[in-house]
ModelCIF file with pLDDT and N, C-alpha, C, O atoms, coordinates in Angstrom:
data_MODEL
#
_entry.id   MODEL 
#
_entity.id                         1 
_entity.type                       polymer 
_entity.pdbx_number_of_molecules   1 
#
_entity_poly.entity_id                      1 
_entity_poly.type                           'polypeptide(L)' 
_entity_poly.nstd_linkage                   no 
_entity_poly.nstd_monomer                   no 
_entity_poly.pdbx_seq_one_letter_code       QRYYSLTGSDVVTIVQQALYDPATASAVPYLLSRLADGEKDAINPFI 
_entity_poly.pdbx_seq_one_letter_code_can   QRYYSLTGSDVVTIVQQALYDPATASAVPYLLSRLADGEKDAINPFI 
_entity_poly.pdbx_strand_id                 A 
#
loop_
_entity_poly_seq.entity_id 
_entity_poly_seq.num 
_entity_poly_seq.mon_id 
_entity_poly_seq.hetero 
1 1  GLN n 
1 2  ARG n 
1 3  TYR n 
1 4  TYR n 
1 5  SER n 
1 6  LEU n 
1 7  THR n 
1 8  GLY n 
1 9  SER n 
1 10 ASP n 
1 11 VAL n 
1 12 VAL n 
1 13 THR n 
1 14 ILE n 
1 15 VAL n 
1 16 GLN n 
1 17 GLN n 
1 18 ALA n 
1 19 LEU n 
1 20 TYR n 
1 21 ASP n 
1 22 PRO n 
1 23 ALA n 
1 24 THR n 
1 25 ALA n 
1 26 SER n 
1 27 ALA n 
1 28 VAL n 
1 29 PRO n 
1 30 TYR n 
1 31 LEU n 
1 32 LEU n 
1 33 SER n 
1 34 ARG n 
1 35 LEU n 
1 36 ALA n 
1 37 ASP n 
1 38 GLY n 
1 39 GLU n 
1 40 LYS n 
1 41 ASP n 
1 42 ALA n 
1 43 ILE n 
1 44 ASN n 
1 45 PRO n 
1 46 PHE n 
1 47 ILE n 
#
_struct_asym.id          A 
_struct_asym.entity_id   1 
#
loop_
_ma_qa_metric.id 
_ma_qa_metric.mode 
_ma_qa_metric.name 
_ma_qa_metric.software_group_id 
_ma_qa_metric.type 
1 global pLDDT . pLDDT 
2 local  pLDDT . pLDDT 
#
_ma_qa_metric_global.metric_id      1 
_ma_qa_metric_global.metric_value   94.81 
_ma_qa_metric_global.model_id       1 
_ma_qa_metric_global.ordinal_id     1 
#
loop_
_ma_qa_metric_local.label_asym_id 
_ma_qa_metric_local.label_comp_id 
_ma_qa_metric_local.label_seq_id 
_ma_qa_metric_local.metric_id 
_ma_qa_metric_local.metric_value 
_ma_qa_metric_local.model_id 
_ma_qa_metric_local.ordinal_id 
A GLN 1  2 92.00 1 1  
A ARG 2  2 92.00 1 2  
A TYR 3  2 94.00 1 3  
A TYR 4  2 94.00 1 4  
A SER 5  2 95.00 1 5  
A LEU 6  2 96.00 1 6  
A THR 7  2 96.00 1 7  
A GLY 8  2 96.00 1 8  
A SER 9  2 96.00 1 9  
A ASP 10 2 96.00 1 10 
A VAL 11 2 97.00 1 11 
A VAL 12 2 97.00 1 12 
A THR 13 2 97.00 1 13 
A ILE 14 2 97.00 1 14 
A VAL 15 2 97.00 1 15 
A GLN 16 2 97.00 1 16 
A GLN 17 2 96.00 1 17 
A ALA 18 2 95.00 1 18 
A LEU 19 2 95.00 1 19 
A TYR 20 2 93.00 1 20 
A ASP 21 2 92.00 1 21 
A PRO 22 2 89.00 1 22 
A ALA 23 2 89.00 1 23 
A THR 24 2 92.00 1 24 
A ALA 25 2 93.00 1 25 
A SER 26 2 91.00 1 26 
A ALA 27 2 94.00 1 27 
A VAL 28 2 96.00 1 28 
A PRO 29 2 96.00 1 29 
A TYR 30 2 96.00 1 30 
A LEU 31 2 97.00 1 31 
A LEU 32 2 97.00 1 32 
A SER 33 2 96.00 1 33 
A ARG 34 2 96.00 1 34 
A LEU 35 2 96.00 1 35 
A ALA 36 2 96.00 1 36 
A ASP 37 2 95.00 1 37 
A GLY 38 2 94.00 1 38 
A GLU 39 2 95.00 1 39 
A LYS 40 2 95.00 1 40 
A ASP 41 2 94.00 1 41 
A ALA 42 2 95.00 1 42 
A ILE 43 2 96.00 1 43 
A ASN 44 2 94.00 1 44 
A PRO 45 2 94.00 1 45 
A PHE 46 2 95.00 1 46 
A ILE 47 2 95.00 1 47 
#
loop_
_atom_site.group_PDB 
_atom_site.id 
_atom_site.type_symbol 
_atom_site.label_atom_id 
_atom_site.label_alt_id 
_atom_site.label_comp_id 
_atom_site.label_asym_id 
_atom_site.label_entity_id 
_atom_site.label_seq_id 
_atom_site.pdbx_PDB_ins_code 
_atom_site.Cartn_x 
_atom_site.Cartn_y 
_atom_site.Cartn_z 
_atom_site.occupancy 
_atom_site.B_iso_or_equiv 
_atom_site.pdbx_formal_charge 
_atom_site.auth_seq_id 
_atom_site.auth_comp_id 
_atom_site.auth_asym_id 
_atom_site.auth_atom_id 
_atom_site.pdbx_PDB_model_num 
ATOM 1   N N  . GLN A 1 1  ? 6.013   -18.172 4.874  1.00 92.00 ? 1  GLN A N  1 
ATOM 2   C CA . GLN A 1 1  ? 4.842   -17.635 4.020  1.00 92.00 ? 1  GLN A CA 1 
ATOM 3   C C  . GLN A 1 1  ? 3.736   -17.616 4.621  1.00 92.00 ? 1  GLN A C  1 
ATOM 4   O O  . GLN A 1 1  ? 3.541   -18.650 5.260  1.00 92.00 ? 1  GLN A O  1 
ATOM 5   N N  . ARG A 1 2  ? 2.747   -16.696 4.695  1.00 92.00 ? 2  ARG A N  1 
ATOM 6   C CA . ARG A 1 2  ? 1.513   -16.573 5.299  1.00 92.00 ? 2  ARG A CA 1 
ATOM 7   C C  . ARG A 1 2  ? 0.515   -15.936 4.262  1.00 92.00 ? 2  ARG A C  1 
ATOM 8   O O  . ARG A 1 2  ? 0.823   -15.054 3.461  1.00 92.00 ? 2  ARG A O  1 
ATOM 9   N N  . TYR A 1 3  ? -0.675  -16.487 4.388  1.00 94.00 ? 3  TYR A N  1 
ATOM 10  C CA . TYR A 1 3  ? -1.765  -15.758 3.616  1.00 94.00 ? 3  TYR A CA 1 
ATOM 11  C C  . TYR A 1 3  ? -2.306  -14.530 4.350  1.00 94.00 ? 3  TYR A C  1 
ATOM 12  O O  . TYR A 1 3  ? -2.820  -14.646 5.462  1.00 94.00 ? 3  TYR A O  1 
ATOM 13  N N  . TYR A 1 4  ? -2.191  -13.368 3.734  1.00 94.00 ? 4  TYR A N  1 
ATOM 14  C CA . TYR A 1 4  ? -2.538  -12.144 4.512  1.00 94.00 ? 4  TYR A CA 1 
ATOM 15  C C  . TYR A 1 4  ? -3.927  -11.803 4.308  1.00 94.00 ? 4  TYR A C  1 
ATOM 16  O O  . TYR A 1 4  ? -4.497  -12.175 3.282  1.00 94.00 ? 4  TYR A O  1 
ATOM 17  N N  . SER A 1 5  ? -4.560  -11.083 5.252  1.00 95.00 ? 5  SER A N  1 
ATOM 18  C CA . SER A 1 5  ? -5.912  -10.560 5.042  1.00 95.00 ? 5  SER A CA 1 
ATOM 19  C C  . SER A 1 5  ? -5.943  -9.137  5.511  1.00 95.00 ? 5  SER A C  1 
ATOM 20  O O  . SER A 1 5  ? -6.151  -8.939  6.708  1.00 95.00 ? 5  SER A O  1 
ATOM 21  N N  . LEU A 1 6  ? -5.756  -8.110  4.689  1.00 96.00 ? 6  LEU A N  1 
ATOM 22  C CA . LEU A 1 6  ? -5.497  -6.641  4.928  1.00 96.00 ? 6  LEU A CA 1 
ATOM 23  C C  . LEU A 1 6  ? -6.910  -5.891  4.988  1.00 96.00 ? 6  LEU A C  1 
ATOM 24  O O  . LEU A 1 6  ? -7.791  -5.886  4.128  1.00 96.00 ? 6  LEU A O  1 
ATOM 25  N N  . THR A 1 7  ? -6.889  -5.271  6.208  1.00 96.00 ? 7  THR A N  1 
ATOM 26  C CA . THR A 1 7  ? -7.970  -4.360  6.653  1.00 96.00 ? 7  THR A CA 1 
ATOM 27  C C  . THR A 1 7  ? -7.570  -2.903  6.303  1.00 96.00 ? 7  THR A C  1 
ATOM 28  O O  . THR A 1 7  ? -6.459  -2.647  5.837  1.00 96.00 ? 7  THR A O  1 
ATOM 29  N N  . GLY A 1 8  ? -8.447  -2.019  6.526  1.00 96.00 ? 8  GLY A N  1 
ATOM 30  C CA . GLY A 1 8  ? -8.095  -0.632  6.351  1.00 96.00 ? 8  GLY A CA 1 
ATOM 31  C C  . GLY A 1 8  ? -6.995  -0.047  7.406  1.00 96.00 ? 8  GLY A C  1 
ATOM 32  O O  . GLY A 1 8  ? -6.288  0.918   7.116  1.00 96.00 ? 8  GLY A O  1 
ATOM 33  N N  . SER A 1 9  ? -6.931  -0.630  8.480  1.00 96.00 ? 9  SER A N  1 
ATOM 34  C CA . SER A 1 9  ? -5.710  -0.181  9.343  1.00 96.00 ? 9  SER A CA 1 
ATOM 35  C C  . SER A 1 9  ? -4.549  -0.806  8.862  1.00 96.00 ? 9  SER A C  1 
ATOM 36  O O  . SER A 1 9  ? -3.508  -0.179  9.063  1.00 96.00 ? 9  SER A O  1 
ATOM 37  N N  . ASP A 1 10 ? -4.454  -1.970  8.230  1.00 96.00 ? 10 ASP A N  1 
ATOM 38  C CA . ASP A 1 10 ? -3.218  -2.388  7.686  1.00 96.00 ? 10 ASP A CA 1 
ATOM 39  C C  . ASP A 1 10 ? -2.742  -1.664  6.495  1.00 96.00 ? 10 ASP A C  1 
ATOM 40  O O  . ASP A 1 10 ? -1.556  -1.473  6.225  1.00 96.00 ? 10 ASP A O  1 
ATOM 41  N N  . VAL A 1 11 ? -3.822  -1.251  5.756  1.00 97.00 ? 11 VAL A N  1 
ATOM 42  C CA . VAL A 1 11 ? -3.347  -0.275  4.527  1.00 97.00 ? 11 VAL A CA 1 
ATOM 43  C C  . VAL A 1 11 ? -2.628  0.983   5.077  1.00 97.00 ? 11 VAL A C  1 
ATOM 44  O O  . VAL A 1 11 ? -1.544  1.432   4.702  1.00 97.00 ? 11 VAL A O  1 
ATOM 45  N N  . VAL A 1 12 ? -3.465  1.468   6.059  1.00 97.00 ? 12 VAL A N  1 
ATOM 46  C CA . VAL A 1 12 ? -2.868  2.970   6.545  1.00 97.00 ? 12 VAL A CA 1 
ATOM 47  C C  . VAL A 1 12 ? -1.511  2.688   6.970  1.00 97.00 ? 12 VAL A C  1 
ATOM 48  O O  . VAL A 1 12 ? -0.632  3.481   6.633  1.00 97.00 ? 12 VAL A O  1 
ATOM 49  N N  . THR A 1 13 ? -1.202  1.619   7.696  1.00 97.00 ? 13 THR A N  1 
ATOM 50  C CA . THR A 1 13 ? 0.140   1.354   8.308  1.00 97.00 ? 13 THR A CA 1 
ATOM 51  C C  . THR A 1 13 ? 1.085   1.109   7.149  1.00 97.00 ? 13 THR A C  1 
ATOM 52  O O  . THR A 1 13 ? 2.219   1.587   7.160  1.00 97.00 ? 13 THR A O  1 
ATOM 53  N N  . ILE A 1 14 ? 0.612   0.339   6.108  1.00 97.00 ? 14 ILE A N  1 
ATOM 54  C CA . ILE A 1 14 ? 1.615   0.050   5.029  1.00 97.00 ? 14 ILE A CA 1 
ATOM 55  C C  . ILE A 1 14 ? 1.955   1.484   4.263  1.00 97.00 ? 14 ILE A C  1 
ATOM 56  O O  . ILE A 1 14 ? 3.072   1.847   3.894  1.00 97.00 ? 14 ILE A O  1 
ATOM 57  N N  . VAL A 1 15 ? 0.838   2.128   4.135  1.00 97.00 ? 15 VAL A N  1 
ATOM 58  C CA . VAL A 1 15 ? 1.184   3.574   3.362  1.00 97.00 ? 15 VAL A CA 1 
ATOM 59  C C  . VAL A 1 15 ? 1.867   4.253   4.083  1.00 97.00 ? 15 VAL A C  1 
ATOM 60  O O  . VAL A 1 15 ? 2.720   4.877   3.452  1.00 97.00 ? 15 VAL A O  1 
ATOM 61  N N  . GLN A 1 16 ? 1.878   4.442   5.319  1.00 97.00 ? 16 GLN A N  1 
ATOM 62  C CA . GLN A 1 16 ? 2.695   5.408   6.160  1.00 97.00 ? 16 GLN A CA 1 
ATOM 63  C C  . GLN A 1 16 ? 4.194   5.047   6.082  1.00 97.00 ? 16 GLN A C  1 
ATOM 64  O O  . GLN A 1 16 ? 5.100   5.859   5.894  1.00 97.00 ? 16 GLN A O  1 
ATOM 65  N N  . GLN A 1 17 ? 4.337   3.641   6.262  1.00 96.00 ? 17 GLN A N  1 
ATOM 66  C CA . GLN A 1 17 ? 5.692   3.140   6.165  1.00 96.00 ? 17 GLN A CA 1 
ATOM 67  C C  . GLN A 1 17 ? 6.403   3.424   4.676  1.00 96.00 ? 17 GLN A C  1 
ATOM 68  O O  . GLN A 1 17 ? 7.560   3.831   4.574  1.00 96.00 ? 17 GLN A O  1 
ATOM 69  N N  . ALA A 1 18 ? 5.656   3.186   3.704  1.00 95.00 ? 18 ALA A N  1 
ATOM 70  C CA . ALA A 1 18 ? 6.147   3.264   2.353  1.00 95.00 ? 18 ALA A CA 1 
ATOM 71  C C  . ALA A 1 18 ? 6.340   4.844   2.109  1.00 95.00 ? 18 ALA A C  1 
ATOM 72  O O  . ALA A 1 18 ? 7.291   5.144   1.388  1.00 95.00 ? 18 ALA A O  1 
ATOM 73  N N  . LEU A 1 19 ? 5.534   5.914   2.634  1.00 95.00 ? 19 LEU A N  1 
ATOM 74  C CA . LEU A 1 19 ? 5.911   7.336   2.729  1.00 95.00 ? 19 LEU A CA 1 
ATOM 75  C C  . LEU A 1 19 ? 7.158   7.553   3.353  1.00 95.00 ? 19 LEU A C  1 
ATOM 76  O O  . LEU A 1 19 ? 7.913   8.440   2.954  1.00 95.00 ? 19 LEU A O  1 
ATOM 77  N N  . TYR A 1 20 ? 7.432   6.824   4.289  1.00 93.00 ? 20 TYR A N  1 
ATOM 78  C CA . TYR A 1 20 ? 8.692   7.216   5.314  1.00 93.00 ? 20 TYR A CA 1 
ATOM 79  C C  . TYR A 1 20 ? 9.874   6.794   4.497  1.00 93.00 ? 20 TYR A C  1 
ATOM 80  O O  . TYR A 1 20 ? 10.869  7.519   4.486  1.00 93.00 ? 20 TYR A O  1 
ATOM 81  N N  . ASP A 1 21 ? 9.841   5.630   3.785  1.00 92.00 ? 21 ASP A N  1 
ATOM 82  C CA . ASP A 1 21 ? 10.936  5.265   2.842  1.00 92.00 ? 21 ASP A CA 1 
ATOM 83  C C  . ASP A 1 21 ? 11.206  5.813   1.656  1.00 92.00 ? 21 ASP A C  1 
ATOM 84  O O  . ASP A 1 21 ? 10.395  5.584   0.759  1.00 92.00 ? 21 ASP A O  1 
ATOM 85  N N  . PRO A 1 22 ? 12.265  6.569   1.382  1.00 89.00 ? 22 PRO A N  1 
ATOM 86  C CA . PRO A 1 22 ? 12.645  7.160   0.065  1.00 89.00 ? 22 PRO A CA 1 
ATOM 87  C C  . PRO A 1 22 ? 12.504  6.210   -1.078 1.00 89.00 ? 22 PRO A C  1 
ATOM 88  O O  . PRO A 1 22 ? 12.020  6.575   -2.149 1.00 89.00 ? 22 PRO A O  1 
ATOM 89  N N  . ALA A 1 23 ? 12.946  4.923   -0.847 1.00 89.00 ? 23 ALA A N  1 
ATOM 90  C CA . ALA A 1 23 ? 12.744  3.953   -1.865 1.00 89.00 ? 23 ALA A CA 1 
ATOM 91  C C  . ALA A 1 23 ? 11.405  3.733   -2.397 1.00 89.00 ? 23 ALA A C  1 
ATOM 92  O O  . ALA A 1 23 ? 11.316  3.281   -3.538 1.00 89.00 ? 23 ALA A O  1 
ATOM 93  N N  . THR A 1 24 ? 10.292  4.005   -1.690 1.00 92.00 ? 24 THR A N  1 
ATOM 94  C CA . THR A 1 24 ? 9.045   3.785   -2.213 1.00 92.00 ? 24 THR A CA 1 
ATOM 95  C C  . THR A 1 24 ? 8.207   4.793   -2.214 1.00 92.00 ? 24 THR A C  1 
ATOM 96  O O  . THR A 1 24 ? 7.121   4.625   -2.770 1.00 92.00 ? 24 THR A O  1 
ATOM 97  N N  . ALA A 1 25 ? 8.499   6.004   -1.627 1.00 93.00 ? 25 ALA A N  1 
ATOM 98  C CA . ALA A 1 25 ? 7.577   7.270   -1.361 1.00 93.00 ? 25 ALA A CA 1 
ATOM 99  C C  . ALA A 1 25 ? 7.049   7.785   -2.451 1.00 93.00 ? 25 ALA A C  1 
ATOM 100 O O  . ALA A 1 25 ? 5.903   8.234   -2.460 1.00 93.00 ? 25 ALA A O  1 
ATOM 101 N N  . SER A 1 26 ? 7.940   7.775   -3.634 1.00 91.00 ? 26 SER A N  1 
ATOM 102 C CA . SER A 1 26 ? 7.374   8.491   -4.971 1.00 91.00 ? 26 SER A CA 1 
ATOM 103 C C  . SER A 1 26 ? 6.352   7.847   -5.479 1.00 91.00 ? 26 SER A C  1 
ATOM 104 O O  . SER A 1 26 ? 5.489   8.451   -6.117 1.00 91.00 ? 26 SER A O  1 
ATOM 105 N N  . ALA A 1 27 ? 6.302   6.396   -5.248 1.00 94.00 ? 27 ALA A N  1 
ATOM 106 C CA . ALA A 1 27 ? 5.014   5.643   -5.998 1.00 94.00 ? 27 ALA A CA 1 
ATOM 107 C C  . ALA A 1 27 ? 3.837   5.663   -5.135 1.00 94.00 ? 27 ALA A C  1 
ATOM 108 O O  . ALA A 1 27 ? 2.774   5.235   -5.584 1.00 94.00 ? 27 ALA A O  1 
ATOM 109 N N  . VAL A 1 28 ? 3.912   6.106   -3.967 1.00 96.00 ? 28 VAL A N  1 
ATOM 110 C CA . VAL A 1 28 ? 2.624   6.049   -3.156 1.00 96.00 ? 28 VAL A CA 1 
ATOM 111 C C  . VAL A 1 28 ? 1.321   6.861   -3.746 1.00 96.00 ? 28 VAL A C  1 
ATOM 112 O O  . VAL A 1 28 ? 0.219   6.314   -3.776 1.00 96.00 ? 28 VAL A O  1 
ATOM 113 N N  . PRO A 1 29 ? 1.515   8.136   -4.189 1.00 96.00 ? 29 PRO A N  1 
ATOM 114 C CA . PRO A 1 29 ? 0.497   8.820   -4.837 1.00 96.00 ? 29 PRO A CA 1 
ATOM 115 C C  . PRO A 1 29 ? -0.367  7.925   -5.825 1.00 96.00 ? 29 PRO A C  1 
ATOM 116 O O  . PRO A 1 29 ? -1.586  7.765   -5.760 1.00 96.00 ? 29 PRO A O  1 
ATOM 117 N N  . TYR A 1 30 ? 0.500   7.380   -6.744 1.00 96.00 ? 30 TYR A N  1 
ATOM 118 C CA . TYR A 1 30 ? -0.233  6.552   -7.867 1.00 96.00 ? 30 TYR A CA 1 
ATOM 119 C C  . TYR A 1 30 ? -0.968  5.300   -7.107 1.00 96.00 ? 30 TYR A C  1 
ATOM 120 O O  . TYR A 1 30 ? -2.126  4.996   -7.394 1.00 96.00 ? 30 TYR A O  1 
ATOM 121 N N  . LEU A 1 31 ? -0.279  4.662   -6.208 1.00 97.00 ? 31 LEU A N  1 
ATOM 122 C CA . LEU A 1 31 ? -0.732  3.536   -5.543 1.00 97.00 ? 31 LEU A CA 1 
ATOM 123 C C  . LEU A 1 31 ? -2.105  3.765   -4.724 1.00 97.00 ? 31 LEU A C  1 
ATOM 124 O O  . LEU A 1 31 ? -3.013  2.950   -4.559 1.00 97.00 ? 31 LEU A O  1 
ATOM 125 N N  . LEU A 1 32 ? -2.018  5.040   -4.273 1.00 97.00 ? 32 LEU A N  1 
ATOM 126 C CA . LEU A 1 32 ? -3.257  5.531   -3.510 1.00 97.00 ? 32 LEU A CA 1 
ATOM 127 C C  . LEU A 1 32 ? -4.559  5.845   -4.429 1.00 97.00 ? 32 LEU A C  1 
ATOM 128 O O  . LEU A 1 32 ? -5.734  5.707   -4.093 1.00 97.00 ? 32 LEU A O  1 
ATOM 129 N N  . SER A 1 33 ? -4.072  6.285   -5.631 1.00 96.00 ? 33 SER A N  1 
ATOM 130 C CA . SER A 1 33 ? -5.186  6.641   -6.828 1.00 96.00 ? 33 SER A CA 1 
ATOM 131 C C  . SER A 1 33 ? -5.720  5.209   -7.245 1.00 96.00 ? 33 SER A C  1 
ATOM 132 O O  . SER A 1 33 ? -6.929  5.105   -7.453 1.00 96.00 ? 33 SER A O  1 
ATOM 133 N N  . ARG A 1 34 ? -4.950  4.158   -7.374 1.00 96.00 ? 34 ARG A N  1 
ATOM 134 C CA . ARG A 1 34 ? -5.624  2.856   -7.802 1.00 96.00 ? 34 ARG A CA 1 
ATOM 135 C C  . ARG A 1 34 ? -6.258  2.149   -6.638 1.00 96.00 ? 34 ARG A C  1 
ATOM 136 O O  . ARG A 1 34 ? -7.305  1.529   -6.828 1.00 96.00 ? 34 ARG A O  1 
ATOM 137 N N  . LEU A 1 35 ? -5.720  2.192   -5.480 1.00 96.00 ? 35 LEU A N  1 
ATOM 138 C CA . LEU A 1 35 ? -6.508  1.575   -4.238 1.00 96.00 ? 35 LEU A CA 1 
ATOM 139 C C  . LEU A 1 35 ? -7.850  2.301   -4.016 1.00 96.00 ? 35 LEU A C  1 
ATOM 140 O O  . LEU A 1 35 ? -8.842  1.631   -3.727 1.00 96.00 ? 35 LEU A O  1 
ATOM 141 N N  . ALA A 1 36 ? -7.919  3.542   -4.129 1.00 96.00 ? 36 ALA A N  1 
ATOM 142 C CA . ALA A 1 36 ? -9.316  4.300   -3.931 1.00 96.00 ? 36 ALA A CA 1 
ATOM 143 C C  . ALA A 1 36 ? -10.148 3.869   -5.043 1.00 96.00 ? 36 ALA A C  1 
ATOM 144 O O  . ALA A 1 36 ? -11.357 3.785   -4.831 1.00 96.00 ? 36 ALA A O  1 
ATOM 145 N N  . ASP A 1 37 ? -9.628  3.542   -6.360 1.00 95.00 ? 37 ASP A N  1 
ATOM 146 C CA . ASP A 1 37 ? -10.759 3.004   -7.328 1.00 95.00 ? 37 ASP A CA 1 
ATOM 147 C C  . ASP A 1 37 ? -10.999 1.571   -7.006 1.00 95.00 ? 37 ASP A C  1 
ATOM 148 O O  . ASP A 1 37 ? -11.840 1.082   -7.761 1.00 95.00 ? 37 ASP A O  1 
ATOM 149 N N  . GLY A 1 38 ? -10.546 0.786   -6.165 1.00 94.00 ? 38 GLY A N  1 
ATOM 150 C CA . GLY A 1 38 ? -10.838 -0.657  -5.708 1.00 94.00 ? 38 GLY A CA 1 
ATOM 151 C C  . GLY A 1 38 ? -9.813  -1.497  -6.231 1.00 94.00 ? 38 GLY A C  1 
ATOM 152 O O  . GLY A 1 38 ? -9.965  -2.711  -6.103 1.00 94.00 ? 38 GLY A O  1 
ATOM 153 N N  . GLU A 1 39 ? -8.693  -1.014  -6.853 1.00 95.00 ? 39 GLU A N  1 
ATOM 154 C CA . GLU A 1 39 ? -7.827  -2.119  -7.488 1.00 95.00 ? 39 GLU A CA 1 
ATOM 155 C C  . GLU A 1 39 ? -6.775  -2.497  -6.360 1.00 95.00 ? 39 GLU A C  1 
ATOM 156 O O  . GLU A 1 39 ? -5.639  -2.024  -6.343 1.00 95.00 ? 39 GLU A O  1 
ATOM 157 N N  . LYS A 1 40 ? -7.269  -3.410  -5.402 1.00 95.00 ? 40 LYS A N  1 
ATOM 158 C CA . LYS A 1 40 ? -6.592  -3.780  -4.142 1.00 95.00 ? 40 LYS A CA 1 
ATOM 159 C C  . LYS A 1 40 ? -5.371  -4.587  -4.512 1.00 95.00 ? 40 LYS A C  1 
ATOM 160 O O  . LYS A 1 40 ? -4.488  -4.641  -3.656 1.00 95.00 ? 40 LYS A O  1 
ATOM 161 N N  . ASP A 1 41 ? -5.203  -5.157  -5.535 1.00 94.00 ? 41 ASP A N  1 
ATOM 162 C CA . ASP A 1 41 ? -3.948  -6.043  -5.784 1.00 94.00 ? 41 ASP A CA 1 
ATOM 163 C C  . ASP A 1 41 ? -2.909  -5.066  -6.016 1.00 94.00 ? 41 ASP A C  1 
ATOM 164 O O  . ASP A 1 41 ? -1.778  -5.549  -6.067 1.00 94.00 ? 41 ASP A O  1 
ATOM 165 N N  . ALA A 1 42 ? -3.004  -3.771  -6.176 1.00 95.00 ? 42 ALA A N  1 
ATOM 166 C CA . ALA A 1 42 ? -2.003  -2.807  -6.438 1.00 95.00 ? 42 ALA A CA 1 
ATOM 167 C C  . ALA A 1 42 ? -1.091  -2.745  -5.221 1.00 95.00 ? 42 ALA A C  1 
ATOM 168 O O  . ALA A 1 42 ? 0.070   -2.345  -5.310 1.00 95.00 ? 42 ALA A O  1 
ATOM 169 N N  . ILE A 1 43 ? -1.593  -3.112  -4.189 1.00 96.00 ? 43 ILE A N  1 
ATOM 170 C CA . ILE A 1 43 ? -0.684  -2.902  -2.814 1.00 96.00 ? 43 ILE A CA 1 
ATOM 171 C C  . ILE A 1 43 ? 0.341   -4.147  -2.590 1.00 96.00 ? 43 ILE A C  1 
ATOM 172 O O  . ILE A 1 43 ? 1.213   -4.132  -1.721 1.00 96.00 ? 43 ILE A O  1 
ATOM 173 N N  . ASN A 1 44 ? 0.134   -5.172  -3.444 1.00 94.00 ? 44 ASN A N  1 
ATOM 174 C CA . ASN A 1 44 ? 0.999   -6.409  -3.186 1.00 94.00 ? 44 ASN A CA 1 
ATOM 175 C C  . ASN A 1 44 ? 2.403   -6.021  -3.119 1.00 94.00 ? 44 ASN A C  1 
ATOM 176 O O  . ASN A 1 44 ? 3.088   -6.382  -2.162 1.00 94.00 ? 44 ASN A O  1 
ATOM 177 N N  . PRO A 1 45 ? 2.883   -5.310  -4.065 1.00 94.00 ? 45 PRO A N  1 
ATOM 178 C CA . PRO A 1 45 ? 4.457   -5.084  -4.116 1.00 94.00 ? 45 PRO A CA 1 
ATOM 179 C C  . PRO A 1 45 ? 4.896   -4.153  -2.912 1.00 94.00 ? 45 PRO A C  1 
ATOM 180 O O  . PRO A 1 45 ? 6.088   -4.068  -2.615 1.00 94.00 ? 45 PRO A O  1 
ATOM 181 N N  . PHE A 1 46 ? 3.931   -3.466  -2.232 1.00 95.00 ? 46 PHE A N  1 
ATOM 182 C CA . PHE A 1 46 ? 4.294   -2.659  -1.159 1.00 95.00 ? 46 PHE A CA 1 
ATOM 183 C C  . PHE A 1 46 ? 4.374   -3.372  0.227  1.00 95.00 ? 46 PHE A C  1 
ATOM 184 O O  . PHE A 1 46 ? 4.828   -2.812  1.225  1.00 95.00 ? 46 PHE A O  1 
ATOM 185 N N  . ILE A 1 47 ? 3.961   -4.481  0.215  1.00 95.00 ? 47 ILE A N  1 
ATOM 186 C CA . ILE A 1 47 ? 3.791   -5.134  1.435  1.00 95.00 ? 47 ILE A CA 1 
ATOM 187 C C  . ILE A 1 47 ? 5.223   -5.524  2.028  1.00 95.00 ? 47 ILE A C  1 
ATOM 188 O O  . ILE A 1 47 ? 5.306   -6.112  3.106  1.00 95.00 ? 47 ILE A O  1 
#
């Protein structure tokens, strides 16, 4: 277990991987709407 420190590049990489995987892709649009509003914790389950 490590403490993460996610930057913009990390987020772009995580989002691309989530979009590629059918198990997570359908939830990405809602995730992005929350992240764009500054709700950063919303990305935790996608990591």
